[in-house]
């Protein structure tokens, strides 16, 4: 069996924490920022966690 290749698009979007959780960046923070309140912009800067329903698929793409 050949080795499983890492999905390069997923590798650029996701990373793992020390406890094994998958971290992602929030959406809606790239443009139209002048129409969004500062509290929303600050909240969207913080990373989010991948939902439990998608964790298995993302881990497979990352080769974990």
C-alpha atoms as a PDB file:
ATOM      1  CA  UNK A   1       0.000   0.000   0.000  1.00  0.00           C
ATOM      2  CA  UNK A   2       1.338   3.467  -0.828  1.00  0.00           C
ATOM      3  CA  UNK A   3       1.390   6.154   1.813  1.00  0.00           C
ATOM      4  CA  UNK A   4      -1.683   8.348   2.273  1.00  0.00           C
ATOM      5  CA  UNK A   5      -1.008  11.831   0.922  1.00  0.00           C
ATOM      6  CA  UNK A   6      -2.017  14.874   2.931  1.00  0.00           C
ATOM      7  CA  UNK A   7      -4.762  16.972   1.329  1.00  0.00           C
ATOM      8  CA  UNK A   8      -2.815  20.197   0.734  1.00  0.00           C
ATOM      9  CA  UNK A   9      -5.905  22.426   0.788  1.00  0.00           C
ATOM     10  CA  UNK A  10      -6.892  21.035   4.185  1.00  0.00           C
ATOM     11  CA  UNK A  11      -3.337  21.370   5.501  1.00  0.00           C
ATOM     12  CA  UNK A  12      -3.466  25.117   4.806  1.00  0.00           C
ATOM     13  CA  UNK A  13      -6.822  25.571   6.559  1.00  0.00           C
ATOM     14  CA  UNK A  14      -6.676  23.347   9.634  1.00  0.00           C
ATOM     15  CA  UNK A  15      -4.231  22.664  12.446  1.00  0.00           C
ATOM     16  CA  UNK A  16      -4.322  20.472  15.525  1.00  0.00           C
ATOM     17  CA  UNK A  17      -4.100  21.433  19.179  1.00  0.00           C
ATOM     18  CA  UNK A  18      -2.068  19.594  21.759  1.00  0.00           C
ATOM     19  CA  UNK A  19      -5.135  17.668  22.881  1.00  0.00           C
ATOM     20  CA  UNK A  20      -5.944  16.533  19.338  1.00  0.00           C
ATOM     21  CA  UNK A  21      -8.756  18.934  18.482  1.00  0.00           C
ATOM     22  CA  UNK A  22      -8.912  20.458  15.000  1.00  0.00           C
ATOM     23  CA  UNK A  23      -8.801  24.273  14.811  1.00  0.00           C
ATOM     24  CA  UNK A  24     -10.042  26.374  11.893  1.00  0.00           C
ATOM     25  CA  UNK A  25     -10.317  30.072  11.082  1.00  0.00           C
ATOM     26  CA  UNK A  26     -13.660  31.868  11.179  1.00  0.00           C
ATOM     27  CA  UNK A  27     -15.370  33.055   8.018  1.00  0.00           C
ATOM     28  CA  UNK A  28     -16.893  36.476   7.204  1.00  0.00           C
ATOM     29  CA  UNK A  29     -13.770  38.401   8.236  1.00  0.00           C
ATOM     30  CA  UNK A  30     -12.133  39.139   4.861  1.00  0.00           C
ATOM     31  CA  UNK A  31     -14.206  42.001   3.415  1.00  0.00           C
ATOM     32  CA  UNK A  32     -17.105  44.413   4.054  1.00  0.00           C
ATOM     33  CA  UNK A  33     -15.606  45.082   7.466  1.00  0.00           C
ATOM     34  CA  UNK A  34     -16.791  48.696   7.570  1.00  0.00           C
ATOM     35  CA  UNK A  35     -20.382  47.460   7.930  1.00  0.00           C
ATOM     36  CA  UNK A  36     -19.665  45.086  10.812  1.00  0.00           C
ATOM     37  CA  UNK A  37     -19.466  46.159  14.449  1.00  0.00           C
ATOM     38  CA  UNK A  38     -16.106  46.003  16.166  1.00  0.00           C
ATOM     39  CA  UNK A  39     -17.309  43.374  18.607  1.00  0.00           C
ATOM     40  CA  UNK A  40     -18.161  41.056  15.710  1.00  0.00           C
ATOM     41  CA  UNK A  41     -14.830  41.702  13.995  1.00  0.00           C
ATOM     42  CA  UNK A  42     -12.917  40.873  17.172  1.00  0.00           C
ATOM     43  CA  UNK A  43     -14.938  37.708  17.740  1.00  0.00           C
ATOM     44  CA  UNK A  44     -14.339  36.514  14.175  1.00  0.00           C
ATOM     45  CA  UNK A  45     -10.572  36.941  14.573  1.00  0.00           C
ATOM     46  CA  UNK A  46     -10.480  34.146  17.146  1.00  0.00           C
ATOM     47  CA  UNK A  47     -10.090  30.628  15.761  1.00  0.00           C
ATOM     48  CA  UNK A  48     -12.936  28.136  16.020  1.00  0.00           C
ATOM     49  CA  UNK A  49     -13.130  24.378  16.400  1.00  0.00           C
ATOM     50  CA  UNK A  50     -14.240  21.983  13.702  1.00  0.00           C
ATOM     51  CA  UNK A  51     -17.625  20.470  14.515  1.00  0.00           C
ATOM     52  CA  UNK A  52     -17.678  16.868  15.773  1.00  0.00           C
ATOM     53  CA  UNK A  53     -19.576  15.827  12.634  1.00  0.00           C
ATOM     54  CA  UNK A  54     -16.660  16.927  10.412  1.00  0.00           C
ATOM     55  CA  UNK A  55     -13.720  16.010  12.646  1.00  0.00           C
ATOM     56  CA  UNK A  56     -13.313  12.463  11.327  1.00  0.00           C
ATOM     57  CA  UNK A  57     -13.240  13.623   7.704  1.00  0.00           C
ATOM     58  CA  UNK A  58     -10.758  16.437   8.377  1.00  0.00           C
ATOM     59  CA  UNK A  59      -8.439  14.141  10.334  1.00  0.00           C
ATOM     60  CA  UNK A  60      -8.440  11.716   7.402  1.00  0.00           C
ATOM     61  CA  UNK A  61      -7.497  14.525   5.015  1.00  0.00           C
ATOM     62  CA  UNK A  62      -4.681  15.626   7.319  1.00  0.00           C
ATOM     63  CA  UNK A  63      -3.358  12.091   7.626  1.00  0.00           C
ATOM     64  CA  UNK A  64      -3.968  11.863  11.387  1.00  0.00           C
END
